[in-house]
Amino acid sequence: MMCTENKPLTNTEFKKVNNKAYDKPFEVSDRDSISIRVPTKGKFAWQFRYIFNNKAERLTLGHYPNLSLDYVRKQLSRLQGFIFDGKPLKEYGKNKKNKNILDAIH
């Protein structure tokens, strides 16, 4: 797919491959614990990996293009702040009325 080298992702790369079908799901890491998960149908899901209470966690933030790469990167410090304050991010993701987790976090 994209990003065969270890370099940050770009919005241009997403536009080229968005909504295409793939043989199998895969994940591409960006930077700062952000990754994009691509299922076989090609709908990108932003994910944030972090450690909370000594346990590795993964949280889906929302989907591209609803959330741009730049927006997700800008929200990273906010997400890290919640973890630092001891707030469980997964609790915010349980409310299905929110289109994405970043809207749910105040």
N, C-alpha and C. Protein backbone atom coordinates (compact mmCIF):
# COMPACT_ATOMS: atom_id res chain seq x y z
N MET A 1 0.84 -1.18 0.00
CA MET A 1 0.00 0.00 0.00
C MET A 1 0.87 1.22 0.00
N MET A 2 0.78 2.02 1.02
CA MET A 2 1.55 3.24 1.12
C MET A 2 2.56 3.10 2.24
N CYS A 3 3.44 4.04 2.30
CA CYS A 3 4.37 4.17 3.42
C CYS A 3 5.22 2.91 3.60
N THR A 4 5.96 2.55 2.56
CA THR A 4 6.83 1.40 2.69
C THR A 4 8.07 1.73 3.51
N GLU A 5 8.43 3.00 3.55
CA GLU A 5 9.53 3.43 4.40
C GLU A 5 8.96 3.84 5.75
N ASN A 6 9.83 4.03 6.71
CA ASN A 6 9.41 4.47 8.03
C ASN A 6 9.37 5.99 8.05
N LYS A 7 8.29 6.56 7.52
CA LYS A 7 8.13 8.00 7.46
C LYS A 7 6.70 8.36 7.83
N PRO A 8 6.46 9.60 8.25
CA PRO A 8 5.10 10.00 8.59
C PRO A 8 4.17 9.90 7.38
N LEU A 9 2.91 9.62 7.64
CA LEU A 9 1.90 9.54 6.59
C LEU A 9 1.52 10.93 6.09
N THR A 10 0.88 10.98 4.93
CA THR A 10 0.41 12.26 4.38
C THR A 10 -1.03 12.12 3.92
N ASN A 11 -1.77 13.25 3.89
CA ASN A 11 -3.15 13.24 3.39
C ASN A 11 -3.20 12.86 1.92
N THR A 12 -2.19 13.22 1.15
CA THR A 12 -2.15 12.88 -0.27
C THR A 12 -2.18 11.37 -0.46
N GLU A 13 -1.43 10.64 0.35
CA GLU A 13 -1.44 9.18 0.26
C GLU A 13 -2.82 8.61 0.55
N PHE A 14 -3.52 9.18 1.52
CA PHE A 14 -4.85 8.71 1.87
C PHE A 14 -5.84 8.90 0.72
N LYS A 15 -5.78 10.05 0.09
CA LYS A 15 -6.71 10.35 -1.00
C LYS A 15 -6.55 9.37 -2.15
N LYS A 16 -5.35 8.90 -2.38
CA LYS A 16 -5.09 7.97 -3.48
C LYS A 16 -5.68 6.59 -3.22
N VAL A 17 -5.73 6.17 -1.98
CA VAL A 17 -6.14 4.79 -1.67
C VAL A 17 -7.43 4.68 -0.88
N ASN A 18 -8.06 5.80 -0.56
CA ASN A 18 -9.28 5.78 0.25
C ASN A 18 -10.42 5.05 -0.48
N ASN A 19 -11.17 4.26 0.29
CA ASN A 19 -12.34 3.53 -0.19
C ASN A 19 -12.05 2.51 -1.28
N LYS A 20 -10.85 2.00 -1.34
CA LYS A 20 -10.53 0.91 -2.26
C LYS A 20 -10.58 -0.40 -1.48
N ALA A 21 -10.89 -1.48 -2.18
CA ALA A 21 -10.94 -2.79 -1.54
C ALA A 21 -9.54 -3.40 -1.50
N TYR A 22 -9.25 -4.14 -0.44
CA TYR A 22 -7.96 -4.81 -0.26
C TYR A 22 -8.19 -6.28 0.05
N ASP A 23 -7.20 -7.10 -0.23
CA ASP A 23 -7.32 -8.54 0.00
C ASP A 23 -7.43 -8.89 1.48
N LYS A 24 -6.72 -8.15 2.32
CA LYS A 24 -6.76 -8.42 3.75
C LYS A 24 -6.57 -7.12 4.52
N PRO A 25 -7.09 -7.06 5.74
CA PRO A 25 -6.93 -5.84 6.54
C PRO A 25 -5.47 -5.64 6.94
N PHE A 26 -5.10 -4.39 7.16
CA PHE A 26 -3.75 -4.08 7.59
C PHE A 26 -3.74 -2.77 8.37
N GLU A 27 -2.61 -2.50 8.99
CA GLU A 27 -2.44 -1.30 9.80
C GLU A 27 -1.13 -0.63 9.41
N VAL A 28 -1.17 0.70 9.35
CA VAL A 28 0.02 1.48 9.03
C VAL A 28 0.25 2.46 10.17
N SER A 29 1.44 2.42 10.74
CA SER A 29 1.77 3.34 11.83
C SER A 29 2.19 4.68 11.29
N ASP A 30 1.80 5.71 11.99
CA ASP A 30 2.24 7.06 11.64
C ASP A 30 3.37 7.42 12.59
N ARG A 31 3.10 8.23 13.55
CA ARG A 31 4.07 8.62 14.56
C ARG A 31 3.31 8.89 15.86
N ASP A 32 4.04 9.00 16.93
CA ASP A 32 3.43 9.39 18.21
C ASP A 32 2.24 8.52 18.61
N SER A 33 2.35 7.21 18.39
CA SER A 33 1.32 6.24 18.81
C SER A 33 0.03 6.31 18.00
N ILE A 34 0.05 6.95 16.85
CA ILE A 34 -1.12 7.02 15.98
C ILE A 34 -0.92 6.02 14.84
N SER A 35 -2.00 5.33 14.49
CA SER A 35 -1.95 4.44 13.33
C SER A 35 -3.28 4.50 12.61
N ILE A 36 -3.29 3.95 11.42
CA ILE A 36 -4.50 3.88 10.62
C ILE A 36 -4.77 2.41 10.34
N ARG A 37 -5.96 1.96 10.63
CA ARG A 37 -6.33 0.57 10.36
C ARG A 37 -7.23 0.56 9.13
N VAL A 38 -6.89 -0.31 8.19
CA VAL A 38 -7.62 -0.39 6.92
C VAL A 38 -8.20 -1.80 6.79
N PRO A 39 -9.53 -1.93 6.89
CA PRO A 39 -10.14 -3.23 6.67
C PRO A 39 -10.21 -3.54 5.17
N THR A 40 -10.72 -4.67 4.81
CA THR A 40 -10.76 -5.07 3.40
C THR A 40 -11.59 -4.11 2.54
N LYS A 41 -12.54 -3.43 3.12
CA LYS A 41 -13.36 -2.49 2.36
C LYS A 41 -12.71 -1.13 2.20
N GLY A 42 -11.60 -0.88 2.87
CA GLY A 42 -10.83 0.34 2.66
C GLY A 42 -11.29 1.56 3.43
N LYS A 43 -12.10 1.42 4.47
CA LYS A 43 -12.51 2.56 5.28
C LYS A 43 -11.51 2.73 6.42
N PHE A 44 -10.75 3.80 6.37
CA PHE A 44 -9.66 4.01 7.33
C PHE A 44 -10.20 4.39 8.71
N ALA A 45 -9.66 3.74 9.73
CA ALA A 45 -10.01 4.05 11.12
C ALA A 45 -8.75 4.51 11.84
N TRP A 46 -8.80 5.73 12.39
CA TRP A 46 -7.68 6.24 13.18
C TRP A 46 -7.64 5.53 14.51
N GLN A 47 -6.46 5.11 14.93
CA GLN A 47 -6.32 4.47 16.23
C GLN A 47 -5.16 5.10 17.00
N PHE A 48 -5.33 5.11 18.30
CA PHE A 48 -4.34 5.66 19.22
C PHE A 48 -3.94 4.54 20.18
N ARG A 49 -2.66 4.25 20.25
CA ARG A 49 -2.15 3.23 21.18
C ARG A 49 -1.54 3.94 22.37
N TYR A 50 -1.81 3.39 23.55
CA TYR A 50 -1.30 4.02 24.77
C TYR A 50 -1.26 2.99 25.89
N ILE A 51 -0.61 3.36 26.98
CA ILE A 51 -0.55 2.52 28.17
C ILE A 51 -1.40 3.19 29.25
N PHE A 52 -2.31 2.42 29.84
CA PHE A 52 -3.15 2.93 30.92
C PHE A 52 -3.21 1.86 32.00
N ASN A 53 -2.85 2.23 33.22
CA ASN A 53 -2.79 1.28 34.34
C ASN A 53 -1.94 0.06 33.98
N ASN A 54 -0.78 0.32 33.40
CA ASN A 54 0.18 -0.72 33.01
C ASN A 54 -0.37 -1.73 32.01
N LYS A 55 -1.36 -1.33 31.23
CA LYS A 55 -1.95 -2.21 30.23
C LYS A 55 -1.96 -1.49 28.88
N ALA A 56 -1.53 -2.20 27.84
CA ALA A 56 -1.55 -1.64 26.48
C ALA A 56 -3.00 -1.51 26.02
N GLU A 57 -3.36 -0.36 25.51
CA GLU A 57 -4.72 -0.09 25.04
C GLU A 57 -4.66 0.43 23.61
N ARG A 58 -5.75 0.23 22.89
CA ARG A 58 -5.90 0.78 21.55
C ARG A 58 -7.30 1.39 21.47
N LEU A 59 -7.39 2.62 21.00
CA LEU A 59 -8.66 3.32 20.95
C LEU A 59 -8.89 3.83 19.53
N THR A 60 -10.05 3.50 18.97
CA THR A 60 -10.42 4.04 17.66
C THR A 60 -10.93 5.46 17.86
N LEU A 61 -10.32 6.41 17.16
CA LEU A 61 -10.65 7.82 17.31
C LEU A 61 -11.76 8.27 16.37
N GLY A 62 -11.84 7.69 15.21
CA GLY A 62 -12.81 8.08 14.19
C GLY A 62 -12.30 7.61 12.84
N HIS A 63 -12.94 8.08 11.78
CA HIS A 63 -12.58 7.61 10.45
C HIS A 63 -12.13 8.75 9.54
N TYR A 64 -11.27 8.39 8.60
CA TYR A 64 -10.84 9.30 7.55
C TYR A 64 -11.86 9.18 6.42
N PRO A 65 -12.33 10.26 5.81
CA PRO A 65 -11.85 11.64 5.87
C PRO A 65 -12.56 12.52 6.90
N ASN A 66 -13.48 11.95 7.71
CA ASN A 66 -14.15 12.76 8.74
C ASN A 66 -13.14 13.42 9.67
N LEU A 67 -12.08 12.71 9.99
CA LEU A 67 -10.98 13.25 10.78
C LEU A 67 -9.74 13.26 9.89
N SER A 68 -9.17 14.42 9.68
CA SER A 68 -7.97 14.50 8.86
C SER A 68 -6.74 14.11 9.67
N LEU A 69 -5.70 13.80 8.97
CA LEU A 69 -4.42 13.47 9.61
C LEU A 69 -3.94 14.63 10.47
N ASP A 70 -4.02 15.85 9.96
CA ASP A 70 -3.57 17.02 10.72
C ASP A 70 -4.38 17.20 11.99
N TYR A 71 -5.70 17.02 11.90
CA TYR A 71 -6.56 17.18 13.08
C TYR A 71 -6.22 16.14 14.15
N VAL A 72 -6.05 14.89 13.73
CA VAL A 72 -5.73 13.83 14.69
C VAL A 72 -4.40 14.12 15.38
N ARG A 73 -3.41 14.55 14.61
CA ARG A 73 -2.11 14.87 15.21
C ARG A 73 -2.21 16.03 16.19
N LYS A 74 -3.03 17.02 15.89
CA LYS A 74 -3.18 18.18 16.78
C LYS A 74 -3.87 17.81 18.09
N GLN A 75 -4.70 16.78 18.08
CA GLN A 75 -5.43 16.36 19.27
C GLN A 75 -4.62 15.43 20.17
N LEU A 76 -3.46 15.02 19.71
CA LEU A 76 -2.66 14.05 20.44
C LEU A 76 -2.30 14.52 21.85
N SER A 77 -1.90 15.76 22.01
CA SER A 77 -1.53 16.24 23.35
C SER A 77 -2.73 16.23 24.29
N ARG A 78 -3.91 16.48 23.75
CA ARG A 78 -5.13 16.43 24.55
C ARG A 78 -5.39 15.00 25.04
N LEU A 79 -5.22 14.04 24.15
CA LEU A 79 -5.40 12.63 24.53
C LEU A 79 -4.38 12.22 25.59
N GLN A 80 -3.14 12.61 25.39
CA GLN A 80 -2.08 12.28 26.34
C GLN A 80 -2.34 12.93 27.69
N GLY A 81 -2.92 14.12 27.69
CA GLY A 81 -3.26 14.80 28.93
C GLY A 81 -4.29 14.03 29.74
N PHE A 82 -5.28 13.46 29.07
CA PHE A 82 -6.28 12.65 29.76
C PHE A 82 -5.64 11.44 30.41
N ILE A 83 -4.73 10.80 29.69
CA ILE A 83 -4.04 9.63 30.25
C ILE A 83 -3.20 10.05 31.45
N PHE A 84 -2.48 11.15 31.32
CA PHE A 84 -1.64 11.65 32.41
C PHE A 84 -2.49 11.96 33.65
N ASP A 85 -3.70 12.47 33.44
CA ASP A 85 -4.60 12.80 34.55
C ASP A 85 -5.32 11.56 35.10
N GLY A 86 -5.07 10.39 34.52
CA GLY A 86 -5.67 9.16 35.01
C GLY A 86 -7.09 8.92 34.55
N LYS A 87 -7.49 9.57 33.46
CA LYS A 87 -8.85 9.40 32.95
C LYS A 87 -8.88 8.30 31.89
N PRO A 88 -9.75 7.32 32.03
CA PRO A 88 -9.82 6.22 31.06
C PRO A 88 -10.50 6.66 29.76
N LEU A 89 -9.74 6.71 28.68
CA LEU A 89 -10.27 7.17 27.40
C LEU A 89 -11.36 6.26 26.85
N LYS A 90 -11.30 4.98 27.13
CA LYS A 90 -12.29 4.05 26.58
C LYS A 90 -13.70 4.36 27.07
N GLU A 91 -13.84 4.97 28.22
CA GLU A 91 -15.16 5.32 28.73
C GLU A 91 -15.84 6.32 27.80
N TYR A 92 -15.07 7.22 27.21
CA TYR A 92 -15.64 8.21 26.30
C TYR A 92 -16.08 7.57 25.00
N GLY A 93 -15.43 6.50 24.59
CA GLY A 93 -15.76 5.83 23.35
C GLY A 93 -17.00 4.97 23.43
N LYS A 94 -17.52 4.72 24.62
CA LYS A 94 -18.68 3.86 24.78
C LYS A 94 -19.98 4.55 24.36
N ASN A 95 -20.00 5.87 24.31
CA ASN A 95 -21.20 6.60 23.90
C ASN A 95 -21.26 6.62 22.38
N LYS A 96 -22.11 5.80 21.79
CA LYS A 96 -22.20 5.66 20.34
C LYS A 96 -22.81 6.88 19.66
N LYS A 97 -23.38 7.82 20.42
CA LYS A 97 -23.95 9.02 19.82
C LYS A 97 -22.85 9.93 19.27
N ASN A 98 -21.65 9.80 19.81
CA ASN A 98 -20.54 10.62 19.35
C ASN A 98 -20.02 10.07 18.03
N LYS A 99 -19.85 10.93 17.05
CA LYS A 99 -19.35 10.50 15.75
C LYS A 99 -17.90 10.02 15.86
N ASN A 100 -17.15 10.64 16.76
CA ASN A 100 -15.78 10.20 17.01
C ASN A 100 -15.42 10.53 18.45
N ILE A 101 -14.43 9.85 18.95
CA ILE A 101 -14.03 9.99 20.35
C ILE A 101 -13.54 11.40 20.66
N LEU A 102 -12.94 12.06 19.70
CA LEU A 102 -12.40 13.40 19.95
C LEU A 102 -13.50 14.41 20.21
N ASP A 103 -14.72 14.18 19.69
CA ASP A 103 -15.84 15.06 20.00
C ASP A 103 -16.34 14.82 21.42
N ALA A 104 -16.18 13.60 21.92
CA ALA A 104 -16.69 13.24 23.25
C ALA A 104 -15.81 13.76 24.37
N ILE A 105 -14.53 13.94 24.10
CA ILE A 105 -13.60 14.38 25.13
C ILE A 105 -13.67 15.90 25.26
N HIS A 106 -13.90 16.37 26.46
CA HIS A 106 -14.01 17.82 26.67
C HIS A 106 -12.70 18.37 27.18
